[in-house]
N, C-alpha and C. Protein backbone atom coordinates (compact mmCIF):
# COMPACT_ATOMS: atom_id res chain seq x y z
N MET A 1 125.88 176.69 -22.04
CA MET A 1 125.71 175.54 -21.20
C MET A 1 126.97 175.36 -20.37
N ALA A 2 126.77 175.08 -19.07
CA ALA A 2 127.91 174.95 -18.16
C ALA A 2 128.49 173.56 -18.27
N ARG A 3 129.79 173.53 -18.10
CA ARG A 3 130.46 172.24 -18.14
C ARG A 3 130.46 171.61 -16.74
N ALA A 4 130.12 170.32 -16.64
CA ALA A 4 130.01 169.65 -15.35
C ALA A 4 131.26 168.88 -14.98
N SER A 5 132.10 168.56 -15.90
CA SER A 5 133.31 167.82 -15.58
C SER A 5 134.43 168.28 -16.48
N LYS A 6 135.61 167.82 -16.17
CA LYS A 6 136.76 168.25 -16.93
C LYS A 6 136.82 167.59 -18.31
N TYR A 7 135.95 166.59 -18.52
CA TYR A 7 135.94 165.93 -19.82
C TYR A 7 135.09 166.66 -20.83
N GLY A 8 134.40 167.69 -20.41
CA GLY A 8 133.65 168.51 -21.35
C GLY A 8 132.29 167.99 -21.69
N LYS A 9 131.79 167.01 -20.98
CA LYS A 9 130.47 166.47 -21.24
C LYS A 9 129.46 167.13 -20.33
N ALA A 10 128.28 167.26 -20.75
CA ALA A 10 127.20 167.81 -19.95
C ALA A 10 126.73 166.75 -18.97
N PRO A 11 126.18 167.17 -17.82
CA PRO A 11 125.70 166.20 -16.84
C PRO A 11 124.63 165.32 -17.45
N GLY A 12 124.71 164.01 -17.14
CA GLY A 12 123.73 163.06 -17.61
C GLY A 12 123.99 162.55 -19.01
N LYS A 13 124.98 163.07 -19.68
CA LYS A 13 125.29 162.61 -21.03
C LYS A 13 126.27 161.45 -20.94
N PRO A 14 126.18 160.50 -21.85
CA PRO A 14 127.11 159.36 -21.81
C PRO A 14 128.53 159.78 -22.15
N ARG A 15 129.48 159.13 -21.42
CA ARG A 15 130.89 159.35 -21.73
C ARG A 15 131.28 158.45 -22.86
N GLN A 16 132.56 158.58 -23.22
CA GLN A 16 133.04 157.72 -24.29
C GLN A 16 133.20 156.29 -23.79
N THR A 17 133.33 156.11 -22.47
CA THR A 17 133.47 154.76 -21.93
C THR A 17 132.13 154.09 -21.71
N GLY A 18 131.07 154.78 -21.84
CA GLY A 18 129.76 154.20 -21.73
C GLY A 18 129.00 154.58 -20.49
N GLY A 19 129.65 155.09 -19.41
CA GLY A 19 128.96 155.46 -18.18
C GLY A 19 128.49 156.90 -18.23
N LEU A 20 127.58 157.26 -17.34
CA LEU A 20 127.09 158.62 -17.26
C LEU A 20 128.09 159.48 -16.50
N CYS A 21 128.17 160.72 -16.82
CA CYS A 21 129.09 161.67 -16.20
C CYS A 21 128.29 162.68 -15.43
N PHE A 22 128.39 162.67 -14.10
CA PHE A 22 127.64 163.62 -13.28
C PHE A 22 128.53 164.69 -12.67
N GLY A 23 129.83 164.57 -12.77
CA GLY A 23 130.73 165.59 -12.27
C GLY A 23 130.95 165.55 -10.78
N PHE A 24 130.62 164.47 -10.11
CA PHE A 24 130.81 164.38 -8.67
C PHE A 24 132.09 163.65 -8.30
N ALA A 25 132.90 163.31 -9.23
CA ALA A 25 134.12 162.54 -8.96
C ALA A 25 135.05 163.28 -8.03
N SER A 26 135.21 164.57 -8.19
CA SER A 26 136.13 165.31 -7.33
C SER A 26 135.58 165.41 -5.90
N ALA A 27 134.27 165.49 -5.72
CA ALA A 27 133.68 165.55 -4.38
C ALA A 27 133.84 164.21 -3.66
N ILE A 28 133.69 163.09 -4.34
CA ILE A 28 133.86 161.77 -3.75
C ILE A 28 135.33 161.52 -3.41
N ALA A 29 136.24 161.94 -4.26
CA ALA A 29 137.66 161.77 -3.99
C ALA A 29 138.09 162.57 -2.77
N ALA A 30 137.50 163.72 -2.51
CA ALA A 30 137.85 164.53 -1.35
C ALA A 30 137.38 163.86 -0.07
N LYS A 31 136.33 163.06 -0.09
CA LYS A 31 135.83 162.36 1.08
C LYS A 31 136.58 161.06 1.36
N GLY A 32 137.53 160.67 0.57
CA GLY A 32 138.27 159.41 0.73
C GLY A 32 139.19 159.42 1.94
N ALA A 33 139.64 160.53 2.42
CA ALA A 33 140.56 160.60 3.55
C ALA A 33 139.78 160.80 4.84
N PHE A 34 140.41 160.44 6.00
CA PHE A 34 139.80 160.64 7.30
C PHE A 34 140.19 162.01 7.84
N THR A 35 139.27 162.61 8.58
CA THR A 35 139.60 163.88 9.21
C THR A 35 140.35 163.62 10.51
N LEU A 36 140.93 164.64 11.08
CA LEU A 36 141.70 164.51 12.31
C LEU A 36 140.81 164.05 13.46
N VAL A 37 139.58 164.51 13.52
CA VAL A 37 138.65 164.13 14.57
C VAL A 37 138.35 162.63 14.48
N GLU A 38 138.13 162.12 13.28
CA GLU A 38 137.87 160.70 13.10
C GLU A 38 139.06 159.85 13.52
N VAL A 39 140.26 160.30 13.20
CA VAL A 39 141.46 159.56 13.58
C VAL A 39 141.61 159.55 15.10
N ILE A 40 141.37 160.67 15.76
CA ILE A 40 141.49 160.74 17.22
C ILE A 40 140.45 159.85 17.89
N ILE A 41 139.22 159.86 17.40
CA ILE A 41 138.17 159.01 17.98
C ILE A 41 138.51 157.53 17.76
N GLY A 42 138.97 157.17 16.59
CA GLY A 42 139.36 155.78 16.32
C GLY A 42 140.51 155.34 17.21
N ALA A 43 141.51 156.22 17.38
CA ALA A 43 142.65 155.88 18.26
C ALA A 43 142.18 155.75 19.70
N GLY A 44 141.27 156.59 20.13
CA GLY A 44 140.73 156.50 21.50
C GLY A 44 140.00 155.19 21.73
N ILE A 45 139.21 154.77 20.76
CA ILE A 45 138.51 153.49 20.87
C ILE A 45 139.50 152.34 20.93
N LEU A 46 140.55 152.40 20.11
CA LEU A 46 141.57 151.36 20.12
C LEU A 46 142.30 151.30 21.46
N VAL A 47 142.68 152.44 22.00
CA VAL A 47 143.36 152.49 23.30
C VAL A 47 142.45 151.95 24.39
N PHE A 48 141.19 152.35 24.40
CA PHE A 48 140.23 151.87 25.39
C PHE A 48 140.10 150.34 25.32
N THR A 49 140.03 149.80 24.11
CA THR A 49 139.89 148.36 23.92
C THR A 49 141.13 147.62 24.43
N VAL A 50 142.31 148.12 24.12
CA VAL A 50 143.55 147.46 24.56
C VAL A 50 143.67 147.50 26.08
N VAL A 51 143.38 148.64 26.69
CA VAL A 51 143.45 148.76 28.15
C VAL A 51 142.41 147.85 28.81
N SER A 52 141.23 147.76 28.24
CA SER A 52 140.19 146.87 28.78
C SER A 52 140.62 145.42 28.70
N LEU A 53 141.19 145.00 27.60
CA LEU A 53 141.66 143.63 27.46
C LEU A 53 142.77 143.32 28.46
N TYR A 54 143.69 144.26 28.62
CA TYR A 54 144.77 144.07 29.59
C TYR A 54 144.21 143.91 30.99
N GLY A 55 143.27 144.75 31.36
CA GLY A 55 142.65 144.65 32.67
C GLY A 55 141.89 143.35 32.86
N ALA A 56 141.20 142.90 31.82
CA ALA A 56 140.46 141.64 31.91
C ALA A 56 141.40 140.46 32.08
N PHE A 57 142.49 140.43 31.34
CA PHE A 57 143.46 139.34 31.48
C PHE A 57 144.11 139.37 32.86
N SER A 58 144.47 140.55 33.33
CA SER A 58 145.09 140.67 34.64
C SER A 58 144.15 140.20 35.73
N PHE A 59 142.90 140.61 35.68
CA PHE A 59 141.90 140.17 36.65
C PHE A 59 141.69 138.66 36.58
N GLY A 60 141.62 138.12 35.38
CA GLY A 60 141.43 136.69 35.20
C GLY A 60 142.57 135.87 35.77
N PHE A 61 143.80 136.28 35.51
CA PHE A 61 144.96 135.54 36.01
C PHE A 61 145.05 135.61 37.53
N SER A 62 144.75 136.77 38.12
CA SER A 62 144.80 136.88 39.57
C SER A 62 143.68 136.06 40.22
N THR A 63 142.53 135.98 39.58
CA THR A 63 141.43 135.16 40.09
C THR A 63 141.79 133.68 40.05
N ILE A 64 142.42 133.25 38.97
CA ILE A 64 142.85 131.85 38.86
C ILE A 64 143.89 131.53 39.91
N LYS A 65 144.84 132.44 40.13
CA LYS A 65 145.89 132.22 41.13
C LYS A 65 145.28 132.08 42.52
N LEU A 66 144.37 132.96 42.88
CA LEU A 66 143.72 132.89 44.19
C LEU A 66 142.91 131.61 44.32
N SER A 67 142.23 131.22 43.26
CA SER A 67 141.45 129.98 43.29
C SER A 67 142.35 128.77 43.52
N GLN A 68 143.50 128.73 42.86
CA GLN A 68 144.45 127.63 43.07
C GLN A 68 144.94 127.59 44.51
N GLU A 69 145.22 128.75 45.08
CA GLU A 69 145.69 128.81 46.46
C GLU A 69 144.61 128.34 47.43
N GLU A 70 143.36 128.71 47.18
CA GLU A 70 142.28 128.28 48.06
C GLU A 70 142.03 126.78 47.96
N VAL A 71 142.14 126.22 46.76
CA VAL A 71 141.98 124.78 46.60
C VAL A 71 143.11 124.05 47.31
N ARG A 72 144.33 124.58 47.21
CA ARG A 72 145.46 123.95 47.91
C ARG A 72 145.25 124.02 49.42
N ALA A 73 144.72 125.12 49.94
CA ALA A 73 144.44 125.22 51.37
C ALA A 73 143.41 124.17 51.79
N ASP A 74 142.38 123.98 50.97
CA ASP A 74 141.39 122.94 51.26
C ASP A 74 142.01 121.56 51.25
N GLN A 75 142.91 121.30 50.30
CA GLN A 75 143.58 120.00 50.23
C GLN A 75 144.41 119.74 51.49
N ILE A 76 145.12 120.76 51.95
CA ILE A 76 145.93 120.61 53.16
C ILE A 76 145.04 120.29 54.36
N LEU A 77 143.94 121.01 54.50
CA LEU A 77 143.02 120.77 55.62
C LEU A 77 142.41 119.38 55.58
N VAL A 78 141.97 118.95 54.41
CA VAL A 78 141.38 117.62 54.28
C VAL A 78 142.44 116.56 54.59
N GLN A 79 143.66 116.76 54.13
CA GLN A 79 144.74 115.80 54.40
C GLN A 79 144.98 115.67 55.91
N LYS A 80 145.02 116.79 56.61
CA LYS A 80 145.25 116.74 58.06
C LYS A 80 144.09 116.06 58.78
N LEU A 81 142.87 116.36 58.38
CA LEU A 81 141.72 115.74 59.03
C LEU A 81 141.60 114.26 58.69
N GLU A 82 141.93 113.88 57.48
CA GLU A 82 141.89 112.46 57.11
C GLU A 82 142.99 111.66 57.81
N THR A 83 144.09 112.29 58.11
CA THR A 83 145.17 111.61 58.83
C THR A 83 144.69 111.20 60.22
N LEU A 84 143.84 112.01 60.83
CA LEU A 84 143.32 111.69 62.16
C LEU A 84 142.47 110.43 62.16
N ARG A 85 141.92 110.07 61.04
CA ARG A 85 141.06 108.89 60.97
C ARG A 85 141.80 107.60 61.26
N VAL A 86 143.10 107.58 60.99
CA VAL A 86 143.86 106.34 61.20
C VAL A 86 144.55 106.31 62.57
N TYR A 87 144.48 107.39 63.33
CA TYR A 87 145.09 107.41 64.66
C TYR A 87 144.24 106.62 65.64
N ASP A 88 144.92 106.02 66.58
CA ASP A 88 144.26 105.34 67.67
C ASP A 88 143.70 106.39 68.63
N TRP A 89 142.62 106.04 69.34
CA TRP A 89 141.98 106.99 70.25
C TRP A 89 142.94 107.51 71.31
N SER A 90 143.83 106.66 71.79
CA SER A 90 144.77 107.10 72.83
C SER A 90 145.73 108.17 72.29
N ARG A 91 146.07 108.10 71.03
CA ARG A 91 146.95 109.13 70.45
C ARG A 91 146.22 110.46 70.30
N ILE A 92 144.95 110.40 70.00
CA ILE A 92 144.17 111.63 69.85
C ILE A 92 143.95 112.30 71.20
N THR A 93 143.69 111.54 72.23
CA THR A 93 143.40 112.11 73.55
C THR A 93 144.66 112.45 74.34
N ASN A 94 145.83 111.92 73.97
CA ASN A 94 147.06 112.16 74.73
C ASN A 94 148.01 113.13 74.04
N ASN A 95 147.49 114.05 73.27
CA ASN A 95 148.26 115.11 72.60
C ASN A 95 149.36 114.59 71.68
N TYR A 96 149.10 113.50 71.00
CA TYR A 96 150.05 112.98 70.02
C TYR A 96 149.98 113.76 68.70
N VAL A 97 148.84 114.33 68.41
CA VAL A 97 148.61 115.04 67.16
C VAL A 97 149.40 116.36 67.16
N PRO A 98 150.22 116.61 66.12
CA PRO A 98 150.96 117.89 66.07
C PRO A 98 149.99 119.06 65.92
N THR A 99 150.27 120.13 66.67
CA THR A 99 149.34 121.26 66.68
C THR A 99 149.66 122.30 65.62
N ASN A 100 150.91 122.42 65.20
CA ASN A 100 151.29 123.41 64.19
C ASN A 100 152.01 122.72 63.03
N PHE A 101 151.79 123.25 61.84
CA PHE A 101 152.44 122.68 60.66
C PHE A 101 152.58 123.77 59.60
N ALA A 102 153.43 123.49 58.63
CA ALA A 102 153.61 124.40 57.49
C ALA A 102 153.68 123.56 56.22
N SER A 103 153.14 124.13 55.16
CA SER A 103 153.15 123.46 53.87
C SER A 103 153.32 124.51 52.78
N THR A 104 154.00 124.14 51.70
CA THR A 104 154.22 125.10 50.61
C THR A 104 153.49 124.64 49.36
N TYR A 105 153.26 125.59 48.49
CA TYR A 105 152.63 125.32 47.19
C TYR A 105 153.27 126.25 46.16
N SER A 106 153.72 125.67 45.07
CA SER A 106 154.33 126.47 44.02
C SER A 106 154.12 125.79 42.68
N THR A 107 153.82 126.58 41.67
CA THR A 107 153.70 126.04 40.31
C THR A 107 154.94 126.35 39.48
N THR A 108 155.77 127.30 39.93
CA THR A 108 156.92 127.71 39.14
C THR A 108 158.25 127.44 39.83
N GLY A 109 158.27 127.13 41.10
CA GLY A 109 159.50 126.89 41.84
C GLY A 109 159.32 127.30 43.29
N PRO A 110 160.15 126.78 44.17
CA PRO A 110 159.95 127.05 45.60
C PRO A 110 160.13 128.51 45.99
N GLU A 111 160.92 129.27 45.24
CA GLU A 111 161.13 130.67 45.60
C GLU A 111 159.93 131.55 45.27
N HIS A 112 159.01 131.08 44.43
CA HIS A 112 157.84 131.87 44.05
C HIS A 112 156.55 131.33 44.65
N GLY A 113 156.64 130.38 45.54
CA GLY A 113 155.45 129.72 46.05
C GLY A 113 154.81 130.42 47.23
N VAL A 114 153.78 129.76 47.74
CA VAL A 114 153.03 130.25 48.88
C VAL A 114 153.25 129.28 50.02
N THR A 115 153.49 129.79 51.22
CA THR A 115 153.65 128.95 52.40
C THR A 115 152.39 129.06 53.25
N TYR A 116 151.84 127.92 53.56
CA TYR A 116 150.64 127.84 54.39
C TYR A 116 151.07 127.47 55.80
N TYR A 117 150.63 128.25 56.78
CA TYR A 117 150.90 127.97 58.18
C TYR A 117 149.59 127.52 58.81
N GLY A 118 149.62 126.32 59.42
CA GLY A 118 148.39 125.77 59.93
C GLY A 118 148.45 125.40 61.39
N SER A 119 147.27 125.23 61.95
CA SER A 119 147.15 124.76 63.34
C SER A 119 146.03 123.75 63.40
N LEU A 120 146.19 122.83 64.34
CA LEU A 120 145.23 121.75 64.52
C LEU A 120 144.97 121.64 66.02
N SER A 121 143.72 121.74 66.43
CA SER A 121 143.40 121.63 67.85
C SER A 121 142.36 120.54 68.06
N VAL A 122 142.59 119.72 69.09
CA VAL A 122 141.67 118.66 69.48
C VAL A 122 141.18 119.00 70.88
N THR A 123 139.88 119.25 71.00
CA THR A 123 139.29 119.62 72.28
C THR A 123 138.13 118.69 72.61
N PRO A 124 137.82 118.54 73.89
CA PRO A 124 136.65 117.72 74.24
C PRO A 124 135.36 118.30 73.64
N PHE A 125 134.49 117.42 73.27
CA PHE A 125 133.22 117.84 72.69
C PHE A 125 132.27 118.27 73.80
N ILE A 126 131.65 119.42 73.63
CA ILE A 126 130.68 119.92 74.61
C ILE A 126 129.29 119.67 74.03
N PRO A 127 128.55 118.74 74.60
CA PRO A 127 127.24 118.41 74.04
C PRO A 127 126.23 119.53 74.28
N SER A 128 125.17 119.50 73.50
CA SER A 128 124.13 120.51 73.63
C SER A 128 123.23 120.24 74.83
N ARG A 129 123.13 119.00 75.25
CA ARG A 129 122.32 118.64 76.42
C ARG A 129 123.23 118.05 77.50
N VAL A 130 122.84 118.20 78.71
CA VAL A 130 123.61 117.68 79.84
C VAL A 130 123.44 116.16 79.93
N ASN A 131 124.51 115.49 80.37
CA ASN A 131 124.51 114.05 80.61
C ASN A 131 124.32 113.22 79.34
N GLU A 132 124.91 113.64 78.26
CA GLU A 132 124.88 112.82 77.05
C GLU A 132 125.82 111.64 77.25
N SER A 133 125.39 110.46 76.86
CA SER A 133 126.19 109.26 77.11
C SER A 133 127.45 109.20 76.24
N TYR A 134 127.46 109.87 75.11
CA TYR A 134 128.59 109.79 74.19
C TYR A 134 129.57 110.96 74.33
N SER A 135 129.37 111.86 75.25
CA SER A 135 130.19 113.07 75.32
C SER A 135 131.66 112.78 75.59
N ASP A 136 131.97 111.69 76.32
CA ASP A 136 133.39 111.37 76.59
C ASP A 136 134.05 110.65 75.43
N SER A 137 133.28 110.19 74.48
CA SER A 137 133.86 109.45 73.36
C SER A 137 133.95 110.29 72.08
N LEU A 138 133.76 111.60 72.19
CA LEU A 138 133.87 112.49 71.03
C LEU A 138 134.89 113.58 71.30
N ARG A 139 135.58 113.99 70.24
CA ARG A 139 136.50 115.12 70.30
C ARG A 139 136.20 116.05 69.13
N LEU A 140 136.28 117.34 69.40
CA LEU A 140 136.08 118.36 68.38
C LEU A 140 137.44 118.74 67.81
N VAL A 141 137.59 118.63 66.50
CA VAL A 141 138.85 118.95 65.85
C VAL A 141 138.65 120.17 64.97
N ASN A 142 139.51 121.16 65.16
CA ASN A 142 139.47 122.37 64.35
C ASN A 142 140.82 122.51 63.66
N ALA A 143 140.82 122.55 62.34
CA ALA A 143 142.04 122.74 61.55
C ALA A 143 141.90 124.04 60.78
N SER A 144 142.97 124.83 60.77
CA SER A 144 142.94 126.08 60.02
C SER A 144 144.30 126.36 59.41
N VAL A 145 144.30 127.04 58.29
CA VAL A 145 145.54 127.46 57.62
C VAL A 145 145.45 128.94 57.30
N GLU A 146 146.61 129.58 57.33
CA GLU A 146 146.73 130.98 56.97
C GLU A 146 147.84 131.12 55.94
N TRP A 147 147.66 132.05 55.00
CA TRP A 147 148.69 132.35 54.02
C TRP A 147 148.50 133.78 53.53
N ILE A 148 149.54 134.30 52.90
CA ILE A 148 149.48 135.66 52.37
C ILE A 148 149.49 135.58 50.85
N SER A 149 148.51 136.23 50.24
CA SER A 149 148.38 136.24 48.79
C SER A 149 148.12 137.66 48.33
N GLY A 150 149.02 138.18 47.54
CA GLY A 150 148.85 139.54 47.03
C GLY A 150 148.86 140.58 48.12
N GLY A 151 149.60 140.32 49.20
CA GLY A 151 149.67 141.27 50.29
C GLY A 151 148.49 141.21 51.25
N ILE A 152 147.57 140.27 51.04
CA ILE A 152 146.38 140.13 51.88
C ILE A 152 146.46 138.80 52.62
N SER A 153 146.23 138.83 53.91
CA SER A 153 146.23 137.61 54.72
C SER A 153 144.93 136.85 54.48
N ARG A 154 145.04 135.57 54.20
CA ARG A 154 143.86 134.74 53.91
C ARG A 154 143.81 133.59 54.91
N THR A 155 142.62 133.09 55.18
CA THR A 155 142.42 132.03 56.17
C THR A 155 141.34 131.06 55.69
N ARG A 156 141.58 129.79 55.96
CA ARG A 156 140.59 128.74 55.73
C ARG A 156 140.56 127.87 56.97
N SER A 157 139.40 127.32 57.31
CA SER A 157 139.33 126.40 58.44
C SER A 157 138.25 125.35 58.21
N MET A 158 138.43 124.21 58.87
CA MET A 158 137.47 123.12 58.82
C MET A 158 137.34 122.55 60.23
N THR A 159 136.14 122.10 60.57
CA THR A 159 135.86 121.54 61.88
C THR A 159 135.15 120.21 61.69
N THR A 160 135.51 119.23 62.52
CA THR A 160 134.87 117.93 62.46
C THR A 160 134.87 117.29 63.84
N LEU A 161 134.16 116.20 63.97
CA LEU A 161 134.13 115.43 65.21
C LEU A 161 134.81 114.09 64.97
N ILE A 162 135.49 113.61 66.01
CA ILE A 162 136.12 112.28 65.96
C ILE A 162 135.53 111.46 67.08
N SER A 163 135.19 110.22 66.77
CA SER A 163 134.58 109.34 67.75
C SER A 163 135.58 108.28 68.21
N GLN A 164 135.48 107.89 69.46
CA GLN A 164 136.35 106.84 69.99
C GLN A 164 136.09 105.53 69.27
N TYR A 165 134.87 105.29 68.89
CA TYR A 165 134.52 104.05 68.22
C TYR A 165 134.27 104.30 66.74
N GLY A 166 135.17 105.06 66.15
CA GLY A 166 135.02 105.43 64.75
C GLY A 166 135.63 104.41 63.81
N ILE A 167 136.20 104.85 62.74
CA ILE A 167 136.66 103.98 61.67
C ILE A 167 137.87 103.13 62.06
N GLN A 168 138.68 103.59 63.03
CA GLN A 168 139.88 102.83 63.37
C GLN A 168 139.54 101.53 64.09
N THR A 169 138.38 101.40 64.69
CA THR A 169 137.99 100.15 65.35
C THR A 169 136.93 99.39 64.57
N TYR A 170 136.66 99.80 63.36
CA TYR A 170 135.64 99.17 62.55
C TYR A 170 136.11 97.80 62.07
N LYS A 171 135.28 96.79 62.27
CA LYS A 171 135.60 95.44 61.80
C LYS A 171 134.45 94.95 60.94
N PRO A 172 134.71 94.72 59.65
CA PRO A 172 133.61 94.31 58.78
C PRO A 172 133.12 92.90 59.06
């Protein structure tokens, strides 16, 4: 009869400890270690995951930064257009409104911020039909800002109409 394990028991016979002895202990112990191929595949998956996470964080932070810059550009434009609401009509029609301006935005300090360069133009309103009665009492205002973000030039603009009998002459 062939011996199945080093303990001298036949396969399927009870050991002295009470369990069955099948002689496969050495085969299971040999499978406990990883092969070189498994280690390389595992390391590749880990590297891919780390690089993917780094790329995702980098993309996310740059998207947030651009979003903040665009919101700031909108705030600057709205501020300039809202300022026109309190001007008297004579100031709007007599070139009192400044045409160029600059504004900065920074979350970490002035040396790391973004500078917005803007322009504001007030032009007579051109109606869609001839002989409109209100055409002399309206002005078309176009405000725009430009800035550089990540080496790319960006632009935002807003357009509105101002009336001679608008909010500045309103009496409740």
